Amino acid sequence: MKDYRNYEVWKKSHTLALKVYKATRPFPPEERYGLTSQLRRAAVSMAANIAEGSGRGSDRELGRFLSIAIGSANEAEYYCLLAKDLGLLKLQDHDDLTGALAEVRRMLSALARRVRGSAC
């Protein structure tokens, strides 16, 4: 079992979650339980699934949780697009977040491939 805080992808995911919280602060109050909550939840889910999977004790389980984290990255990317199109997220924030999401997704995919290879 590896400490999740040692994974570079966890560090990037955690930083991304912090950026999402900052970018969604100006969202209107009526979105608190809507888009704000959904985007934040998806962002936090990436780092949380890495942490949970690394504590499961097997590469197979870690791989399963990494797959869930990839799904959360895709979900967060859509919420960023929606927020931008609704005029809630500045273009620069959208571009920064989606760039970070793409990087995290690539790292998650690479780690998932490595883990699946060692689980066989």
PDB file of N, CA and C in Angstrom:
ATOM      1  N   MET A   1       0.851  -1.177   0.000  1.00  0.00           N
ATOM      2  CA  MET A   1       0.000   0.000   0.000  1.00  0.00           C
ATOM      3  C   MET A   1       0.898   1.243   0.000  1.00  0.00           C
ATOM      4  N   LYS A   2       0.653   2.101  -0.954  1.00  0.00           N
ATOM      5  CA  LYS A   2       1.450   3.312  -1.095  1.00  0.00           C
ATOM      6  C   LYS A   2       0.670   4.501  -0.539  1.00  0.00           C
ATOM      7  N   ASP A   3       1.373   5.401   0.098  1.00  0.00           N
ATOM      8  CA  ASP A   3       0.750   6.619   0.611  1.00  0.00           C
ATOM      9  C   ASP A   3       0.293   7.465  -0.580  1.00  0.00           C
ATOM     10  N   TYR A   4      -0.996   7.732  -0.662  1.00  0.00           N
ATOM     11  CA  TYR A   4      -1.553   8.466  -1.796  1.00  0.00           C
ATOM     12  C   TYR A   4      -0.906   9.829  -1.986  1.00  0.00           C
ATOM     13  N   ARG A   5      -0.404  10.428  -0.917  1.00  0.00           N
ATOM     14  CA  ARG A   5       0.212  11.757  -1.027  1.00  0.00           C
ATOM     15  C   ARG A   5       1.522  11.727  -1.791  1.00  0.00           C
ATOM     16  N   ASN A   6       2.055  10.532  -2.033  1.00  0.00           N
ATOM     17  CA  ASN A   6       3.292  10.397  -2.805  1.00  0.00           C
ATOM     18  C   ASN A   6       3.055  10.318  -4.307  1.00  0.00           C
ATOM     19  N   TYR A   7       1.814  10.143  -4.704  1.00  0.00           N
ATOM     20  CA  TYR A   7       1.499  10.105  -6.138  1.00  0.00           C
ATOM     21  C   TYR A   7       1.461  11.529  -6.681  1.00  0.00           C
ATOM     22  N   GLU A   8       2.219  11.765  -7.740  1.00  0.00           N
ATOM     23  CA  GLU A   8       2.222  13.090  -8.372  1.00  0.00           C
ATOM     24  C   GLU A   8       0.832  13.460  -8.881  1.00  0.00           C
ATOM     25  N   VAL A   9       0.102  12.475  -9.385  1.00  0.00           N
ATOM     26  CA  VAL A   9      -1.239  12.735  -9.894  1.00  0.00           C
ATOM     27  C   VAL A   9      -2.190  13.131  -8.761  1.00  0.00           C
ATOM     28  N   TRP A  10      -1.976  12.604  -7.565  1.00  0.00           N
ATOM     29  CA  TRP A  10      -2.816  13.032  -6.441  1.00  0.00           C
ATOM     30  C   TRP A  10      -2.519  14.503  -6.117  1.00  0.00           C
ATOM     31  N   LYS A  11      -1.247  14.872  -6.119  1.00  0.00           N
ATOM     32  CA  LYS A  11      -0.875  16.262  -5.826  1.00  0.00           C
ATOM     33  C   LYS A  11      -1.516  17.218  -6.837  1.00  0.00           C
ATOM     34  N   LYS A  12      -1.467  16.839  -8.114  1.00  0.00           N
ATOM     35  CA  LYS A  12      -2.064  17.689  -9.155  1.00  0.00           C
ATOM     36  C   LYS A  12      -3.584  17.725  -9.011  1.00  0.00           C
ATOM     37  N   SER A  13      -4.187  16.604  -8.660  1.00  0.00           N
ATOM     38  CA  SER A  13      -5.639  16.547  -8.465  1.00  0.00           C
ATOM     39  C   SER A  13      -6.066  17.414  -7.290  1.00  0.00           C
ATOM     40  N   HIS A  14      -5.301  17.376  -6.231  1.00  0.00           N
ATOM     41  CA  HIS A  14      -5.608  18.187  -5.048  1.00  0.00           C
ATOM     42  C   HIS A  14      -5.509  19.679  -5.391  1.00  0.00           C
ATOM     43  N   THR A  15      -4.453  20.045  -6.087  1.00  0.00           N
ATOM     44  CA  THR A  15      -4.286  21.438  -6.523  1.00  0.00           C
ATOM     45  C   THR A  15      -5.435  21.857  -7.431  1.00  0.00           C
ATOM     46  N   LEU A  16      -5.835  20.977  -8.315  1.00  0.00           N
ATOM     47  CA  LEU A  16      -6.959  21.262  -9.200  1.00  0.00           C
ATOM     48  C   LEU A  16      -8.245  21.489  -8.404  1.00  0.00           C
ATOM     49  N   ALA A  17      -8.494  20.675  -7.399  1.00  0.00           N
ATOM     50  CA  ALA A  17      -9.690  20.855  -6.556  1.00  0.00           C
ATOM     51  C   ALA A  17      -9.671  22.233  -5.891  1.00  0.00           C
ATOM     52  N   LEU A  18      -8.517  22.647  -5.417  1.00  0.00           N
ATOM     53  CA  LEU A  18      -8.405  23.975  -4.803  1.00  0.00           C
ATOM     54  C   LEU A  18      -8.706  25.070  -5.817  1.00  0.00           C
ATOM     55  N   LYS A  19      -8.210  24.898  -7.058  1.00  0.00           N
ATOM     56  CA  LYS A  19      -8.471  25.884  -8.115  1.00  0.00           C
ATOM     57  C   LYS A  19      -9.957  25.942  -8.453  1.00  0.00           C
ATOM     58  N   VAL A  20     -10.610  24.793  -8.454  1.00  0.00           N
ATOM     59  CA  VAL A  20     -12.048  24.754  -8.746  1.00  0.00           C
ATOM     60  C   VAL A  20     -12.823  25.496  -7.660  1.00  0.00           C
ATOM     61  N   TYR A  21     -12.456  25.271  -6.415  1.00  0.00           N
ATOM     62  CA  TYR A  21     -13.135  25.986  -5.327  1.00  0.00           C
ATOM     63  C   TYR A  21     -12.979  27.497  -5.500  1.00  0.00           C
ATOM     64  N   LYS A  22     -11.781  27.924  -5.842  1.00  0.00           N
ATOM     65  CA  LYS A  22     -11.534  29.356  -6.021  1.00  0.00           C
ATOM     66  C   LYS A  22     -12.325  29.907  -7.213  1.00  0.00           C
ATOM     67  N   ALA A  23     -12.330  29.173  -8.320  1.00  0.00           N
ATOM     68  CA  ALA A  23     -13.007  29.653  -9.526  1.00  0.00           C
ATOM     69  C   ALA A  23     -14.526  29.687  -9.371  1.00  0.00           C
ATOM     70  N   THR A  24     -15.064  28.841  -8.492  1.00  0.00           N
ATOM     71  CA  THR A  24     -16.521  28.789  -8.333  1.00  0.00           C
ATOM     72  C   THR A  24     -17.036  29.700  -7.219  1.00  0.00           C
ATOM     73  N   ARG A  25     -16.150  30.328  -6.463  1.00  0.00           N
ATOM     74  CA  ARG A  25     -16.595  31.252  -5.403  1.00  0.00           C
ATOM     75  C   ARG A  25     -17.536  32.343  -5.911  1.00  0.00           C
ATOM     76  N   PRO A  26     -17.248  32.933  -7.091  1.00  0.00           N
ATOM     77  CA  PRO A  26     -18.140  34.005  -7.563  1.00  0.00           C
ATOM     78  C   PRO A  26     -19.455  33.518  -8.188  1.00  0.00           C
ATOM     79  N   PHE A  27     -19.666  32.223  -8.283  1.00  0.00           N
ATOM     80  CA  PHE A  27     -20.919  31.737  -8.864  1.00  0.00           C
ATOM     81  C   PHE A  27     -22.084  32.264  -8.034  1.00  0.00           C
ATOM     82  N   PRO A  28     -23.226  32.483  -8.656  1.00  0.00           N
ATOM     83  CA  PRO A  28     -24.372  33.048  -7.930  1.00  0.00           C
ATOM     84  C   PRO A  28     -24.906  32.088  -6.864  1.00  0.00           C
ATOM     85  N   PRO A  29     -25.515  32.649  -5.825  1.00  0.00           N
ATOM     86  CA  PRO A  29     -26.025  31.820  -4.728  1.00  0.00           C
ATOM     87  C   PRO A  29     -27.020  30.746  -5.187  1.00  0.00           C
ATOM     88  N   GLU A  30     -27.791  31.040  -6.230  1.00  0.00           N
ATOM     89  CA  GLU A  30     -28.768  30.042  -6.670  1.00  0.00           C
ATOM     90  C   GLU A  30     -28.109  28.802  -7.285  1.00  0.00           C
ATOM     91  N   GLU A  31     -26.808  28.870  -7.566  1.00  0.00           N
ATOM     92  CA  GLU A  31     -26.071  27.703  -8.076  1.00  0.00           C
ATOM     93  C   GLU A  31     -25.340  26.939  -6.972  1.00  0.00           C
ATOM     94  N   ARG A  32     -25.471  27.389  -5.731  1.00  0.00           N
ATOM     95  CA  ARG A  32     -24.757  26.751  -4.621  1.00  0.00           C
ATOM     96  C   ARG A  32     -25.014  25.249  -4.588  1.00  0.00           C
ATOM     97  N   TYR A  33     -26.266  24.830  -4.762  1.00  0.00           N
ATOM     98  CA  TYR A  33     -26.607  23.406  -4.695  1.00  0.00           C
ATOM     99  C   TYR A  33     -26.752  22.797  -6.080  1.00  0.00           C
ATOM    100  N   GLY A  34     -26.427  23.562  -7.094  1.00  0.00           N
ATOM    101  CA  GLY A  34     -26.490  23.089  -8.467  1.00  0.00           C
ATOM    102  C   GLY A  34     -25.095  22.927  -9.033  1.00  0.00           C
ATOM    103  N   LEU A  35     -24.780  23.778  -9.983  1.00  0.00           N
ATOM    104  CA  LEU A  35     -23.528  23.662 -10.717  1.00  0.00           C
ATOM    105  C   LEU A  35     -22.296  23.821  -9.827  1.00  0.00           C
ATOM    106  N   THR A  36     -22.342  24.728  -8.879  1.00  0.00           N
ATOM    107  CA  THR A  36     -21.189  24.913  -7.974  1.00  0.00           C
ATOM    108  C   THR A  36     -20.879  23.609  -7.249  1.00  0.00           C
ATOM    109  N   SER A  37     -21.904  23.022  -6.670  1.00  0.00           N
ATOM    110  CA  SER A  37     -21.741  21.783  -5.918  1.00  0.00           C
ATOM    111  C   SER A  37     -21.287  20.635  -6.815  1.00  0.00           C
ATOM    112  N   GLN A  38     -21.876  20.518  -7.993  1.00  0.00           N
ATOM    113  CA  GLN A  38     -21.534  19.427  -8.902  1.00  0.00           C
ATOM    114  C   GLN A  38     -20.084  19.515  -9.373  1.00  0.00           C
ATOM    115  N   LEU A  39     -19.654  20.717  -9.743  1.00  0.00           N
ATOM    116  CA  LEU A  39     -18.287  20.893 -10.221  1.00  0.00           C
ATOM    117  C   LEU A  39     -17.288  20.639  -9.098  1.00  0.00           C
ATOM    118  N   ARG A  40     -17.573  21.161  -7.933  1.00  0.00           N
ATOM    119  CA  ARG A  40     -16.674  20.928  -6.801  1.00  0.00           C
ATOM    120  C   ARG A  40     -16.609  19.446  -6.437  1.00  0.00           C
ATOM    121  N   ARG A  41     -17.751  18.786  -6.433  1.00  0.00           N
ATOM    122  CA  ARG A  41     -17.798  17.372  -6.080  1.00  0.00           C
ATOM    123  C   ARG A  41     -16.971  16.539  -7.063  1.00  0.00           C
ATOM    124  N   ALA A  42     -17.117  16.820  -8.360  1.00  0.00           N
ATOM    125  CA  ALA A  42     -16.361  16.080  -9.367  1.00  0.00           C
ATOM    126  C   ALA A  42     -14.860  16.320  -9.214  1.00  0.00           C
ATOM    127  N   ALA A  43     -14.477  17.561  -8.918  1.00  0.00           N
ATOM    128  CA  ALA A  43     -13.055  17.885  -8.750  1.00  0.00           C
ATOM    129  C   ALA A  43     -12.463  17.184  -7.530  1.00  0.00           C
ATOM    130  N   VAL A  44     -13.195  17.197  -6.440  1.00  0.00           N
ATOM    131  CA  VAL A  44     -12.715  16.555  -5.208  1.00  0.00           C
ATOM    132  C   VAL A  44     -12.667  15.037  -5.380  1.00  0.00           C
ATOM    133  N   SER A  45     -13.578  14.518  -6.164  1.00  0.00           N
ATOM    134  CA  SER A  45     -13.665  13.073  -6.368  1.00  0.00           C
ATOM    135  C   SER A  45     -12.390  12.478  -6.964  1.00  0.00           C
ATOM    136  N   MET A  46     -11.706  13.229  -7.807  1.00  0.00           N
ATOM    137  CA  MET A  46     -10.483  12.701  -8.413  1.00  0.00           C
ATOM    138  C   MET A  46      -9.446  12.367  -7.343  1.00  0.00           C
ATOM    139  N   ALA A  47      -9.109  13.340  -6.514  1.00  0.00           N
ATOM    140  CA  ALA A  47      -8.108  13.121  -5.467  1.00  0.00           C
ATOM    141  C   ALA A  47      -8.609  12.115  -4.434  1.00  0.00           C
ATOM    142  N   ALA A  48      -9.893  12.169  -4.113  1.00  0.00           N
ATOM    143  CA  ALA A  48     -10.453  11.257  -3.116  1.00  0.00           C
ATOM    144  C   ALA A  48     -10.392   9.805  -3.595  1.00  0.00           C
ATOM    145  N   ASN A  49     -10.650   9.571  -4.871  1.00  0.00           N
ATOM    146  CA  ASN A  49     -10.600   8.203  -5.382  1.00  0.00           C
ATOM    147  C   ASN A  49      -9.179   7.664  -5.449  1.00  0.00           C
ATOM    148  N   ILE A  50      -8.228   8.519  -5.727  1.00  0.00           N
ATOM    149  CA  ILE A  50      -6.821   8.089  -5.671  1.00  0.00           C
ATOM    150  C   ILE A  50      -6.481   7.679  -4.243  1.00  0.00           C
ATOM    151  N   ALA A  51      -6.896   8.503  -3.279  1.00  0.00           N
ATOM    152  CA  ALA A  51      -6.618   8.200  -1.869  1.00  0.00           C
ATOM    153  C   ALA A  51      -7.291   6.894  -1.455  1.00  0.00           C
ATOM    154  N   GLU A  52      -8.549   6.746  -1.799  1.00  0.00           N
ATOM    155  CA  GLU A  52      -9.265   5.534  -1.391  1.00  0.00           C
ATOM    156  C   GLU A  52      -8.684   4.294  -2.058  1.00  0.00           C
ATOM    157  N   GLY A  53      -8.424   4.384  -3.341  1.00  0.00           N
ATOM    158  CA  GLY A  53      -7.878   3.228  -4.052  1.00  0.00           C
ATOM    159  C   GLY A  53      -6.515   2.812  -3.559  1.00  0.00           C
ATOM    160  N   SER A  54      -5.687   3.775  -3.194  1.00  0.00           N
ATOM    161  CA  SER A  54      -4.347   3.427  -2.708  1.00  0.00           C
ATOM    162  C   SER A  54      -4.397   2.769  -1.343  1.00  0.00           C
ATOM    163  N   GLY A  55      -5.468   2.968  -0.625  1.00  0.00           N
ATOM    164  CA  GLY A  55      -5.613   2.343   0.689  1.00  0.00           C
ATOM    165  C   GLY A  55      -6.256   0.978   0.660  1.00  0.00           C
ATOM    166  N   ARG A  56      -6.652   0.517  -0.488  1.00  0.00           N
ATOM    167  CA  ARG A  56      -7.348  -0.763  -0.614  1.00  0.00           C
ATOM    168  C   ARG A  56      -6.408  -1.960  -0.584  1.00  0.00           C
ATOM    169  N   GLY A  57      -5.126  -1.738  -0.832  1.00  0.00           N
ATOM    170  CA  GLY A  57      -4.160  -2.813  -0.659  1.00  0.00           C
ATOM    171  C   GLY A  57      -3.912  -3.690  -1.871  1.00  0.00           C
ATOM    172  N   SER A  58      -4.575  -3.436  -2.996  1.00  0.00           N
ATOM    173  CA  SER A  58      -4.285  -4.236  -4.188  1.00  0.00           C
ATOM    174  C   SER A  58      -4.267  -3.333  -5.422  1.00  0.00           C
ATOM    175  N   ASP A  59      -3.462  -3.748  -6.379  1.00  0.00           N
ATOM    176  CA  ASP A  59      -3.387  -2.990  -7.629  1.00  0.00           C
ATOM    177  C   ASP A  59      -4.718  -3.034  -8.374  1.00  0.00           C
ATOM    178  N   ARG A  60      -5.415  -4.149  -8.276  1.00  0.00           N
ATOM    179  CA  ARG A  60      -6.716  -4.277  -8.943  1.00  0.00           C
ATOM    180  C   ARG A  60      -7.693  -3.221  -8.409  1.00  0.00           C
ATOM    181  N   GLU A  61      -7.746  -3.090  -7.098  1.00  0.00           N
ATOM    182  CA  GLU A  61      -8.639  -2.100  -6.486  1.00  0.00           C
ATOM    183  C   GLU A  61      -8.205  -0.676  -6.826  1.00  0.00           C
ATOM    184  N   LEU A  62      -6.904  -0.422  -6.776  1.00  0.00           N
ATOM    185  CA  LEU A  62      -6.407   0.897  -7.145  1.00  0.00           C
ATOM    186  C   LEU A  62      -6.809   1.226  -8.578  1.00  0.00           C
ATOM    187  N   GLY A  63      -6.659   0.268  -9.482  1.00  0.00           N
ATOM    188  CA  GLY A  63      -7.043   0.476 -10.874  1.00  0.00           C
ATOM    189  C   GLY A  63      -8.514   0.815 -11.014  1.00  0.00           C
ATOM    190  N   ARG A  64      -9.360   0.169 -10.236  1.00  0.00           N
ATOM    191  CA  ARG A  64     -10.802   0.444 -10.279  1.00  0.00           C
ATOM    192  C   ARG A  64     -11.092   1.876  -9.845  1.00  0.00           C
ATOM    193  N   PHE A  65     -10.447   2.315  -8.776  1.00  0.00           N
ATOM    194  CA  PHE A  65     -10.662   3.677  -8.290  1.00  0.00           C
ATOM    195  C   PHE A  65     -10.054   4.728  -9.222  1.00  0.00           C
ATOM    196  N   LEU A  66      -8.971   4.380  -9.897  1.00  0.00           N
ATOM    197  CA  LEU A  66      -8.405   5.297 -10.894  1.00  0.00           C
ATOM    198  C   LEU A  66      -9.376   5.478 -12.062  1.00  0.00           C
ATOM    199  N   SER A  67     -10.055   4.418 -12.434  1.00  0.00           N
ATOM    200  CA  SER A  67     -11.068   4.516 -13.496  1.00  0.00           C
ATOM    201  C   SER A  67     -12.199   5.449 -13.082  1.00  0.00           C
ATOM    202  N   ILE A  68     -12.605   5.364 -11.845  1.00  0.00           N
ATOM    203  CA  ILE A  68     -13.641   6.258 -11.331  1.00  0.00           C
ATOM    204  C   ILE A  68     -13.143   7.701 -11.359  1.00  0.00           C
ATOM    205  N   ALA A  69     -11.879   7.909 -10.992  1.00  0.00           N
ATOM    206  CA  ALA A  69     -11.297   9.257 -11.006  1.00  0.00           C
ATOM    207  C   ALA A  69     -11.261   9.821 -12.430  1.00  0.00           C
ATOM    208  N   ILE A  70     -10.989   8.981 -13.414  1.00  0.00           N
ATOM    209  CA  ILE A  70     -11.000   9.422 -14.808  1.00  0.00           C
ATOM    210  C   ILE A  70     -12.408   9.871 -15.192  1.00  0.00           C
ATOM    211  N   GLY A  71     -13.398   9.121 -14.778  1.00  0.00           N
ATOM    212  CA  GLY A  71     -14.780   9.521 -15.035  1.00  0.00           C
ATOM    213  C   GLY A  71     -15.110  10.853 -14.396  1.00  0.00           C
ATOM    214  N   SER A  72     -14.612  11.088 -13.196  1.00  0.00           N
ATOM    215  CA  SER A  72     -14.836  12.368 -12.519  1.00  0.00           C
ATOM    216  C   SER A  72     -14.153  13.506 -13.252  1.00  0.00           C
ATOM    217  N   ALA A  73     -12.988  13.243 -13.840  1.00  0.00           N
ATOM    218  CA  ALA A  73     -12.299  14.272 -14.632  1.00  0.00           C
ATOM    219  C   ALA A  73     -13.134  14.649 -15.853  1.00  0.00           C
ATOM    220  N   ASN A  74     -13.716  13.655 -16.502  1.00  0.00           N
ATOM    221  CA  ASN A  74     -14.581  13.927 -17.656  1.00  0.00           C
ATOM    222  C   ASN A  74     -15.812  14.723 -17.226  1.00  0.00           C
ATOM    223  N   GLU A  75     -16.381  14.345 -16.107  1.00  0.00           N
ATOM    224  CA  GLU A  75     -17.552  15.046 -15.574  1.00  0.00           C
ATOM    225  C   GLU A  75     -17.211  16.503 -15.256  1.00  0.00           C
ATOM    226  N   ALA A  76     -16.095  16.724 -14.596  1.00  0.00           N
ATOM    227  CA  ALA A  76     -15.678  18.087 -14.245  1.00  0.00           C
ATOM    228  C   ALA A  76     -15.430  18.921 -15.495  1.00  0.00           C
ATOM    229  N   GLU A  77     -14.862  18.301 -16.517  1.00  0.00           N
ATOM    230  CA  GLU A  77     -14.620  19.029 -17.763  1.00  0.00           C
ATOM    231  C   GLU A  77     -15.941  19.514 -18.367  1.00  0.00           C
ATOM    232  N   TYR A  78     -16.958  18.658 -18.354  1.00  0.00           N
ATOM    233  CA  TYR A  78     -18.259  19.083 -18.872  1.00  0.00           C
ATOM    234  C   TYR A  78     -18.834  20.230 -18.042  1.00  0.00           C
ATOM    235  N   TYR A  79     -18.757  20.127 -16.719  1.00  0.00           N
ATOM    236  CA  TYR A  79     -19.290  21.197 -15.868  1.00  0.00           C
ATOM    237  C   TYR A  79     -18.569  22.518 -16.128  1.00  0.00           C
ATOM    238  N   CYS A  80     -17.273  22.456 -16.406  1.00  0.00           N
ATOM    239  CA  CYS A  80     -16.532  23.681 -16.755  1.00  0.00           C
ATOM    240  C   CYS A  80     -17.058  24.276 -18.051  1.00  0.00           C
ATOM    241  N   LEU A  81     -17.297  23.426 -19.033  1.00  0.00           N
ATOM    242  CA  LEU A  81     -17.848  23.895 -20.302  1.00  0.00           C
ATOM    243  C   LEU A  81     -19.225  24.526 -20.093  1.00  0.00           C
ATOM    244  N   LEU A  82     -20.060  23.860 -19.336  1.00  0.00           N
ATOM    245  CA  LEU A  82     -21.396  24.385 -19.063  1.00  0.00           C
ATOM    246  C   LEU A  82     -21.319  25.728 -18.343  1.00  0.00           C
ATOM    247  N   ALA A  83     -20.468  25.806 -17.328  1.00  0.00           N
ATOM    248  CA  ALA A  83     -20.323  27.056 -16.568  1.00  0.00           C
ATOM    249  C   ALA A  83     -19.821  28.190 -17.464  1.00  0.00           C
ATOM    250  N   LYS A  84     -18.900  27.877 -18.361  1.00  0.00           N
ATOM    251  CA  LYS A  84     -18.407  28.894 -19.304  1.00  0.00           C
ATOM    252  C   LYS A  84     -19.533  29.343 -20.234  1.00  0.00           C
ATOM    253  N   ASP A  85     -20.253  28.382 -20.783  1.00  0.00           N
ATOM    254  CA  ASP A  85     -21.328  28.713 -21.729  1.00  0.00           C
ATOM    255  C   ASP A  85     -22.475  29.472 -21.065  1.00  0.00           C
ATOM    256  N   LEU A  86     -22.664  29.276 -19.766  1.00  0.00           N
ATOM    257  CA  LEU A  86     -23.681  30.019 -19.022  1.00  0.00           C
ATOM    258  C   LEU A  86     -23.176  31.384 -18.565  1.00  0.00           C
ATOM    259  N   GLY A  87     -21.902  31.668 -18.809  1.00  0.00           N
ATOM    260  CA  GLY A  87     -21.325  32.944 -18.406  1.00  0.00           C
ATOM    261  C   GLY A  87     -20.948  33.010 -16.938  1.00  0.00           C
ATOM    262  N   LEU A  88     -20.856  31.857 -16.284  1.00  0.00           N
ATOM    263  CA  LEU A  88     -20.499  31.816 -14.862  1.00  0.00           C
ATOM    264  C   LEU A  88     -18.997  31.686 -14.643  1.00  0.00           C
ATOM    265  N   LEU A  89     -18.317  31.129 -15.620  1.00  0.00           N
ATOM    266  CA  LEU A  89     -16.877  30.885 -15.503  1.00  0.00           C
ATOM    267  C   LEU A  89     -16.168  31.705 -16.566  1.00  0.00           C
ATOM    268  N   LYS A  90     -15.207  32.493 -16.125  1.00  0.00           N
ATOM    269  CA  LYS A  90     -14.432  33.310 -17.060  1.00  0.00           C
ATOM    270  C   LYS A  90     -13.680  32.405 -18.041  1.00  0.00           C
ATOM    271  N   LEU A  91     -13.490  32.897 -19.243  1.00  0.00           N
ATOM    272  CA  LEU A  91     -12.800  32.124 -20.274  1.00  0.00           C
ATOM    273  C   LEU A  91     -11.418  31.689 -19.796  1.00  0.00           C
ATOM    274  N   GLN A  92     -10.680  32.593 -19.159  1.00  0.00           N
ATOM    275  CA  GLN A  92      -9.337  32.251 -18.675  1.00  0.00           C
ATOM    276  C   GLN A  92      -9.399  31.145 -17.623  1.00  0.00           C
ATOM    277  N   ASP A  93     -10.355  31.234 -16.702  1.00  0.00           N
ATOM    278  CA  ASP A  93     -10.511  30.176 -15.689  1.00  0.00           C
ATOM    279  C   ASP A  93     -10.889  28.858 -16.354  1.00  0.00           C
ATOM    280  N   HIS A  94     -11.782  28.918 -17.332  1.00  0.00           N
ATOM    281  CA  HIS A  94     -12.170  27.711 -18.069  1.00  0.00           C
ATOM    282  C   HIS A  94     -10.949  27.063 -18.714  1.00  0.00           C
ATOM    283  N   ASP A  95     -10.166  27.872 -19.408  1.00  0.00           N
ATOM    284  CA  ASP A  95      -8.988  27.343 -20.098  1.00  0.00           C
ATOM    285  C   ASP A  95      -7.973  26.766 -19.113  1.00  0.00           C
ATOM    286  N   ASP A  96      -7.757  27.454 -17.995  1.00  0.00           N
ATOM    287  CA  ASP A  96      -6.822  26.955 -16.981  1.00  0.00           C
ATOM    288  C   ASP A  96      -7.304  25.633 -16.392  1.00  0.00           C
ATOM    289  N   LEU A  97      -8.583  25.576 -16.045  1.00  0.00           N
ATOM    290  CA  LEU A  97      -9.125  24.365 -15.434  1.00  0.00           C
ATOM    291  C   LEU A  97      -9.144  23.196 -16.408  1.00  0.00           C
ATOM    292  N   THR A  98      -9.577  23.436 -17.634  1.00  0.00           N
ATOM    293  CA  THR A  98      -9.626  22.320 -18.588  1.00  0.00           C
ATOM    294  C   THR A  98      -8.224  21.851 -18.977  1.00  0.00           C
ATOM    295  N   GLY A  99      -7.263  22.758 -18.995  1.00  0.00           N
ATOM    296  CA  GLY A  99      -5.879  22.341 -19.227  1.00  0.00           C
ATOM    297  C   GLY A  99      -5.369  21.461 -18.093  1.00  0.00           C
ATOM    298  N   ALA A 100      -5.664  21.856 -16.858  1.00  0.00           N
ATOM    299  CA  ALA A 100      -5.261  21.057 -15.698  1.00  0.00           C
ATOM    300  C   ALA A 100      -6.002  19.717 -15.675  1.00  0.00           C
ATOM    301  N   LEU A 101      -7.271  19.733 -16.050  1.00  0.00           N
ATOM    302  CA  LEU A 101      -8.040  18.487 -16.109  1.00  0.00           C
ATOM    303  C   LEU A 101      -7.459  17.524 -17.138  1.00  0.00           C
ATOM    304  N   ALA A 102      -7.077  18.043 -18.280  1.00  0.00           N
ATOM    305  CA  ALA A 102      -6.486  17.194 -19.323  1.00  0.00           C
ATOM    306  C   ALA A 102      -5.190  16.560 -18.823  1.00  0.00           C
ATOM    307  N   GLU A 103      -4.378  17.344 -18.128  1.00  0.00           N
ATOM    308  CA  GLU A 103      -3.132  16.809 -17.590  1.00  0.00           C
ATOM    309  C   GLU A 103      -3.397  15.726 -16.552  1.00  0.00           C
ATOM    310  N   VAL A 104      -4.315  15.982 -15.645  1.00  0.00           N
ATOM    311  CA  VAL A 104      -4.647  14.996 -14.609  1.00  0.00           C
ATOM    312  C   VAL A 104      -5.210  13.732 -15.253  1.00  0.00           C
ATOM    313  N   ARG A 105      -6.080  13.881 -16.240  1.00  0.00           N
ATOM    314  CA  ARG A 105      -6.660  12.712 -16.910  1.00  0.00           C
ATOM    315  C   ARG A 105      -5.576  11.871 -17.579  1.00  0.00           C
ATOM    316  N   ARG A 106      -4.610  12.521 -18.243  1.00  0.00           N
ATOM    317  CA  ARG A 106      -3.497  11.785 -18.861  1.00  0.00           C
ATOM    318  C   ARG A 106      -2.699  11.027 -17.799  1.00  0.00           C
ATOM    319  N   MET A 107      -2.423  11.695 -16.684  1.00  0.00           N
ATOM    320  CA  MET A 107      -1.656  11.060 -15.619  1.00  0.00           C
ATOM    321  C   MET A 107      -2.428   9.897 -14.999  1.00  0.00           C
ATOM    322  N   LEU A 108      -3.723  10.070 -14.804  1.00  0.00           N
ATOM    323  CA  LEU A 108      -4.561   8.991 -14.266  1.00  0.00           C
ATOM    324  C   LEU A 108      -4.555   7.791 -15.205  1.00  0.00           C
ATOM    325  N   SER A 109      -4.696   8.057 -16.493  1.00  0.00           N
ATOM    326  CA  SER A 109      -4.710   6.978 -17.485  1.00  0.00           C
ATOM    327  C   SER A 109      -3.389   6.228 -17.503  1.00  0.00           C
ATOM    328  N   ALA A 110      -2.284   6.957 -17.442  1.00  0.00           N
ATOM    329  CA  ALA A 110      -0.967   6.322 -17.446  1.00  0.00           C
ATOM    330  C   ALA A 110      -0.776   5.468 -16.191  1.00  0.00           C
ATOM    331  N   LEU A 111      -1.164   5.995 -15.036  1.00  0.00           N
ATOM    332  CA  LEU A 111      -1.041   5.233 -13.802  1.00  0.00           C
ATOM    333  C   LEU A 111      -1.948   4.010 -13.842  1.00  0.00           C
ATOM    334  N   ALA A 112      -3.153   4.154 -14.355  1.00  0.00           N
ATOM    335  CA  ALA A 112      -4.080   3.017 -14.449  1.00  0.00           C
ATOM    336  C   ALA A 112      -3.491   1.918 -15.342  1.00  0.00           C
ATOM    337  N   ARG A 113      -2.867   2.296 -16.458  1.00  0.00           N
ATOM    338  CA  ARG A 113      -2.237   1.302 -17.327  1.00  0.00           C
ATOM    339  C   ARG A 113      -1.112   0.575 -16.609  1.00  0.00           C
ATOM    340  N   ARG A 114      -0.286   1.332 -15.878  1.00  0.00           N
ATOM    341  CA  ARG A 114       0.819   0.706 -15.129  1.00  0.00           C
ATOM    342  C   ARG A 114       0.293  -0.244 -14.069  1.00  0.00           C
ATOM    343  N   VAL A 115      -0.727   0.183 -13.359  1.00  0.00           N
ATOM    344  CA  VAL A 115      -1.299  -0.633 -12.285  1.00  0.00           C
ATOM    345  C   VAL A 115      -1.916  -1.907 -12.863  1.00  0.00           C
ATOM    346  N   ARG A 116      -2.650  -1.772 -13.956  1.00  0.00           N
ATOM    347  CA  ARG A 116      -3.264  -2.968 -14.582  1.00  0.00           C
ATOM    348  C   ARG A 116      -2.197  -3.929 -15.068  1.00  0.00           C
ATOM    349  N   GLY A 117      -1.092  -3.393 -15.568  1.00  0.00           N
ATOM    350  CA  GLY A 117      -0.009  -4.243 -16.033  1.00  0.00           C
ATOM    351  C   GLY A 117       0.637  -5.029 -14.906  1.00  0.00           C
ATOM    352  N   SER A 118       0.730  -4.431 -13.728  1.00  0.00           N
ATOM    353  CA  SER A 118       1.357  -5.131 -12.602  1.00  0.00           C
ATOM    354  C   SER A 118       0.363  -6.023 -11.866  1.00  0.00           C
ATOM    355  N   ALA A 119      -0.940  -5.846 -12.131  1.00  0.00           N
ATOM    356  CA  ALA A 119      -1.949  -6.657 -11.449  1.00  0.00           C
ATOM    357  C   ALA A 119      -2.140  -8.001 -12.139  1.00  0.00           C
ATOM    358  N   CYS A 120      -1.596  -8.153 -13.353  1.00  0.00           N
ATOM    359  CA  CYS A 120      -1.797  -9.400 -14.100  1.00  0.00           C
ATOM    360  C   CYS A 120      -0.884 -10.493 -13.617  1.00  0.00           C
TER     361      CYS A 120
END
